[in-house]
Every structure is written in structure tokens, then in C-alpha cells.
Amino acid sequence: MPLIAGPAAIATLLQLTQTVGLPITLLALAVNLGLLVLSFAQAENLMRLIGPSALRAVSKIVSLLLAAIAVNLSRRGLTAG
């Protein structure tokens, strides 16, 4: 569960609420949770369809994206204070 709703997710939601407003943030959260439920339900089929090497590549891309978001949030925090 921490990977789904951990501190980084909560910080991102707070940042999005300040940036684009509450309605759009809630809509984005609902869409993401829907995609999460769908991907969990179809995990075996996705694994067979994508394959282990492509799954590792997607994992690395997502990790890079999360690192970029973390750097952006840290940079904004440092320049705001």
C-alpha cells in the first residue's frame, strides 16, 4: 500500500491541488485509481503480453519519472522558502 498512497503520492496531490485546483486533482486521482485497479486485475495477462524484459524497461522508465518529479518538488520547495 505505501507505493500506492505513500508520502510521495500525498505530496504530489497537495502540489497538484495548489497548481491546478481541487476538481482536476480529484479527477486525476480517480482516473489513476481506476487504472490501478484495472492493471491489478489484469496483471497476469499484462505480464504474458508484455514479457519480463519489457516490464523491466517500463519499471526503469517509471522510476526515472518518479525521480524527476521528486527533484522538481524539491527544487520548488527550496526556491519557495
N, C-alpha and C. Protein backbone atom coordinates (compact mmCIF):
# COMPACT_ATOMS: atom_id res chain seq x y z
N MET A 1 0.79 -1.21 0.00
CA MET A 1 0.00 0.00 0.00
C MET A 1 0.84 1.28 0.00
N PRO A 2 2.01 1.32 0.63
CA PRO A 2 2.78 2.57 0.61
C PRO A 2 3.15 3.03 -0.80
N LEU A 3 3.31 2.10 -1.74
CA LEU A 3 3.64 2.52 -3.10
C LEU A 3 2.45 3.17 -3.79
N ILE A 4 1.25 2.86 -3.33
CA ILE A 4 0.05 3.42 -3.94
C ILE A 4 -0.30 4.76 -3.30
N ALA A 5 -0.25 4.82 -1.99
CA ALA A 5 -0.66 6.04 -1.29
C ALA A 5 0.36 6.42 -0.23
N GLY A 6 1.61 6.49 -0.61
CA GLY A 6 2.67 6.84 0.33
C GLY A 6 2.87 8.33 0.41
N PRO A 7 3.90 8.74 1.10
CA PRO A 7 4.18 10.17 1.28
C PRO A 7 4.39 10.92 -0.04
N ALA A 8 5.02 10.28 -1.00
CA ALA A 8 5.24 10.96 -2.29
C ALA A 8 3.92 11.21 -3.01
N ALA A 9 3.02 10.25 -2.95
CA ALA A 9 1.71 10.42 -3.60
C ALA A 9 0.92 11.53 -2.92
N ILE A 10 0.98 11.58 -1.61
CA ILE A 10 0.25 12.62 -0.89
C ILE A 10 0.86 13.99 -1.18
N ALA A 11 2.18 14.08 -1.21
CA ALA A 11 2.83 15.36 -1.53
C ALA A 11 2.49 15.81 -2.95
N THR A 12 2.45 14.86 -3.87
CA THR A 12 2.10 15.20 -5.25
C THR A 12 0.67 15.71 -5.34
N LEU A 13 -0.25 15.06 -4.62
CA LEU A 13 -1.64 15.52 -4.62
C LEU A 13 -1.75 16.93 -4.04
N LEU A 14 -1.03 17.20 -2.97
CA LEU A 14 -1.06 18.54 -2.39
C LEU A 14 -0.51 19.57 -3.37
N GLN A 15 0.56 19.23 -4.05
CA GLN A 15 1.15 20.14 -5.03
C GLN A 15 0.20 20.37 -6.20
N LEU A 16 -0.42 19.30 -6.68
CA LEU A 16 -1.38 19.45 -7.79
C LEU A 16 -2.58 20.28 -7.39
N THR A 17 -3.05 20.12 -6.16
CA THR A 17 -4.19 20.89 -5.69
C THR A 17 -3.87 22.38 -5.73
N GLN A 18 -2.67 22.75 -5.32
CA GLN A 18 -2.27 24.16 -5.35
C GLN A 18 -2.04 24.66 -6.77
N THR A 19 -1.62 23.77 -7.65
CA THR A 19 -1.27 24.18 -9.01
C THR A 19 -2.50 24.26 -9.93
N VAL A 20 -3.31 23.19 -9.96
CA VAL A 20 -4.42 23.13 -10.92
C VAL A 20 -5.79 23.16 -10.28
N GLY A 21 -5.88 23.08 -8.96
CA GLY A 21 -7.17 23.14 -8.29
C GLY A 21 -7.67 21.76 -7.86
N LEU A 22 -8.60 21.78 -6.93
CA LEU A 22 -9.11 20.54 -6.34
C LEU A 22 -9.91 19.67 -7.31
N PRO A 23 -10.83 20.22 -8.12
CA PRO A 23 -11.62 19.33 -9.00
C PRO A 23 -10.77 18.54 -9.99
N ILE A 24 -9.79 19.18 -10.61
CA ILE A 24 -8.94 18.48 -11.58
C ILE A 24 -8.07 17.46 -10.87
N THR A 25 -7.59 17.80 -9.68
CA THR A 25 -6.77 16.86 -8.91
C THR A 25 -7.58 15.63 -8.53
N LEU A 26 -8.80 15.82 -8.09
CA LEU A 26 -9.65 14.67 -7.73
C LEU A 26 -9.98 13.82 -8.95
N LEU A 27 -10.21 14.46 -10.09
CA LEU A 27 -10.46 13.72 -11.32
C LEU A 27 -9.23 12.90 -11.72
N ALA A 28 -8.06 13.50 -11.64
CA ALA A 28 -6.82 12.78 -11.96
C ALA A 28 -6.61 11.61 -11.00
N LEU A 29 -6.91 11.82 -9.72
CA LEU A 29 -6.77 10.75 -8.74
C LEU A 29 -7.72 9.61 -9.05
N ALA A 30 -8.97 9.92 -9.39
CA ALA A 30 -9.95 8.89 -9.71
C ALA A 30 -9.54 8.09 -10.95
N VAL A 31 -9.05 8.78 -11.97
CA VAL A 31 -8.60 8.09 -13.20
C VAL A 31 -7.41 7.18 -12.89
N ASN A 32 -6.47 7.68 -12.10
CA ASN A 32 -5.30 6.87 -11.74
C ASN A 32 -5.68 5.66 -10.91
N LEU A 33 -6.59 5.83 -9.97
CA LEU A 33 -7.03 4.68 -9.17
C LEU A 33 -7.77 3.66 -10.02
N GLY A 34 -8.56 4.14 -11.00
CA GLY A 34 -9.22 3.23 -11.92
C GLY A 34 -8.23 2.43 -12.75
N LEU A 35 -7.20 3.10 -13.25
CA LEU A 35 -6.15 2.40 -13.99
C LEU A 35 -5.40 1.41 -13.11
N LEU A 36 -5.20 1.78 -11.86
CA LEU A 36 -4.52 0.89 -10.92
C LEU A 36 -5.32 -0.38 -10.68
N VAL A 37 -6.62 -0.23 -10.45
CA VAL A 37 -7.48 -1.39 -10.22
C VAL A 37 -7.50 -2.27 -11.47
N LEU A 38 -7.60 -1.65 -12.63
CA LEU A 38 -7.61 -2.41 -13.89
C LEU A 38 -6.30 -3.15 -14.09
N SER A 39 -5.17 -2.50 -13.81
CA SER A 39 -3.89 -3.17 -14.00
C SER A 39 -3.67 -4.28 -12.98
N PHE A 40 -4.14 -4.10 -11.75
CA PHE A 40 -4.04 -5.18 -10.77
C PHE A 40 -4.90 -6.37 -11.18
N ALA A 41 -6.09 -6.08 -11.70
CA ALA A 41 -7.00 -7.16 -12.10
C ALA A 41 -6.45 -7.94 -13.30
N GLN A 42 -5.73 -7.25 -14.16
CA GLN A 42 -5.21 -7.88 -15.38
C GLN A 42 -3.70 -8.11 -15.34
N ALA A 43 -3.12 -8.19 -14.15
CA ALA A 43 -1.67 -8.28 -14.01
C ALA A 43 -1.08 -9.50 -14.72
N GLU A 44 -1.72 -10.64 -14.56
CA GLU A 44 -1.18 -11.85 -15.22
C GLU A 44 -1.21 -11.73 -16.73
N ASN A 45 -2.32 -11.23 -17.26
CA ASN A 45 -2.43 -11.07 -18.71
C ASN A 45 -1.42 -10.05 -19.23
N LEU A 46 -1.24 -8.96 -18.48
CA LEU A 46 -0.25 -7.95 -18.89
C LEU A 46 1.16 -8.52 -18.88
N MET A 47 1.45 -9.33 -17.89
CA MET A 47 2.79 -9.93 -17.79
C MET A 47 3.05 -10.84 -18.99
N ARG A 48 2.05 -11.64 -19.36
CA ARG A 48 2.21 -12.52 -20.52
C ARG A 48 2.32 -11.72 -21.81
N LEU A 49 1.54 -10.64 -21.92
CA LEU A 49 1.52 -9.83 -23.13
C LEU A 49 2.81 -9.03 -23.31
N ILE A 50 3.26 -8.40 -22.24
CA ILE A 50 4.43 -7.53 -22.31
C ILE A 50 5.73 -8.31 -22.25
N GLY A 51 5.82 -9.26 -21.34
CA GLY A 51 7.04 -10.03 -21.17
C GLY A 51 7.93 -9.41 -20.10
N PRO A 52 8.81 -10.22 -19.53
CA PRO A 52 9.63 -9.74 -18.41
C PRO A 52 10.63 -8.64 -18.77
N SER A 53 11.23 -8.69 -19.95
CA SER A 53 12.22 -7.66 -20.29
C SER A 53 11.56 -6.30 -20.53
N ALA A 54 10.43 -6.29 -21.20
CA ALA A 54 9.71 -5.03 -21.42
C ALA A 54 9.17 -4.50 -20.09
N LEU A 55 8.78 -5.39 -19.21
CA LEU A 55 8.30 -4.98 -17.89
C LEU A 55 9.41 -4.31 -17.09
N ARG A 56 10.63 -4.83 -17.19
CA ARG A 56 11.77 -4.20 -16.52
C ARG A 56 12.04 -2.81 -17.12
N ALA A 57 11.92 -2.70 -18.43
CA ALA A 57 12.14 -1.41 -19.09
C ALA A 57 11.11 -0.38 -18.64
N VAL A 58 9.86 -0.79 -18.58
CA VAL A 58 8.80 0.11 -18.11
C VAL A 58 9.05 0.52 -16.67
N SER A 59 9.50 -0.42 -15.85
CA SER A 59 9.80 -0.13 -14.46
C SER A 59 10.91 0.91 -14.33
N LYS A 60 11.93 0.81 -15.17
CA LYS A 60 13.02 1.79 -15.12
C LYS A 60 12.56 3.16 -15.59
N ILE A 61 11.71 3.20 -16.59
CA ILE A 61 11.18 4.48 -17.08
C ILE A 61 10.33 5.14 -16.01
N VAL A 62 9.48 4.37 -15.35
CA VAL A 62 8.63 4.91 -14.28
C VAL A 62 9.50 5.40 -13.12
N SER A 63 10.55 4.66 -12.79
CA SER A 63 11.45 5.09 -11.73
C SER A 63 12.12 6.42 -12.08
N LEU A 64 12.53 6.58 -13.32
CA LEU A 64 13.14 7.83 -13.76
C LEU A 64 12.13 8.97 -13.68
N LEU A 65 10.90 8.71 -14.07
CA LEU A 65 9.84 9.72 -14.00
C LEU A 65 9.59 10.14 -12.55
N LEU A 66 9.55 9.17 -11.64
CA LEU A 66 9.35 9.50 -10.23
C LEU A 66 10.52 10.31 -9.67
N ALA A 67 11.73 9.99 -10.08
CA ALA A 67 12.89 10.76 -9.64
C ALA A 67 12.80 12.20 -10.15
N ALA A 68 12.36 12.38 -11.38
CA ALA A 68 12.22 13.72 -11.94
C ALA A 68 11.16 14.52 -11.17
N ILE A 69 10.06 13.87 -10.81
CA ILE A 69 9.03 14.55 -10.02
C ILE A 69 9.58 14.94 -8.65
N ALA A 70 10.36 14.05 -8.04
CA ALA A 70 10.94 14.34 -6.72
C ALA A 70 11.89 15.53 -6.80
N VAL A 71 12.72 15.58 -7.83
CA VAL A 71 13.65 16.70 -7.99
C VAL A 71 12.88 18.00 -8.20
N ASN A 72 11.82 17.95 -9.00
CA ASN A 72 11.01 19.14 -9.25
C ASN A 72 10.37 19.64 -7.96
N LEU A 73 9.79 18.73 -7.18
CA LEU A 73 9.17 19.13 -5.91
C LEU A 73 10.20 19.69 -4.94
N SER A 74 11.38 19.10 -4.88
CA SER A 74 12.44 19.60 -4.00
C SER A 74 12.90 20.98 -4.45
N ARG A 75 13.06 21.15 -5.75
CA ARG A 75 13.50 22.44 -6.28
C ARG A 75 12.48 23.52 -5.97
N ARG A 76 11.21 23.20 -6.16
CA ARG A 76 10.15 24.18 -5.85
C ARG A 76 10.13 24.50 -4.36
N GLY A 77 10.35 23.49 -3.52
CA GLY A 77 10.37 23.72 -2.09
C GLY A 77 11.53 24.61 -1.67
N LEU A 78 12.69 24.42 -2.28
CA LEU A 78 13.85 25.23 -1.94
C LEU A 78 13.73 26.66 -2.42
N THR A 79 13.14 26.86 -3.57
CA THR A 79 13.02 28.22 -4.11
C THR A 79 11.85 28.98 -3.50
N ALA A 80 10.87 28.28 -2.94
CA ALA A 80 9.72 28.95 -2.34
C ALA A 80 10.06 29.56 -0.98
N GLY A 81 11.02 28.97 -0.28
CA GLY A 81 11.32 29.41 1.08
C GLY A 81 12.34 30.45 1.10
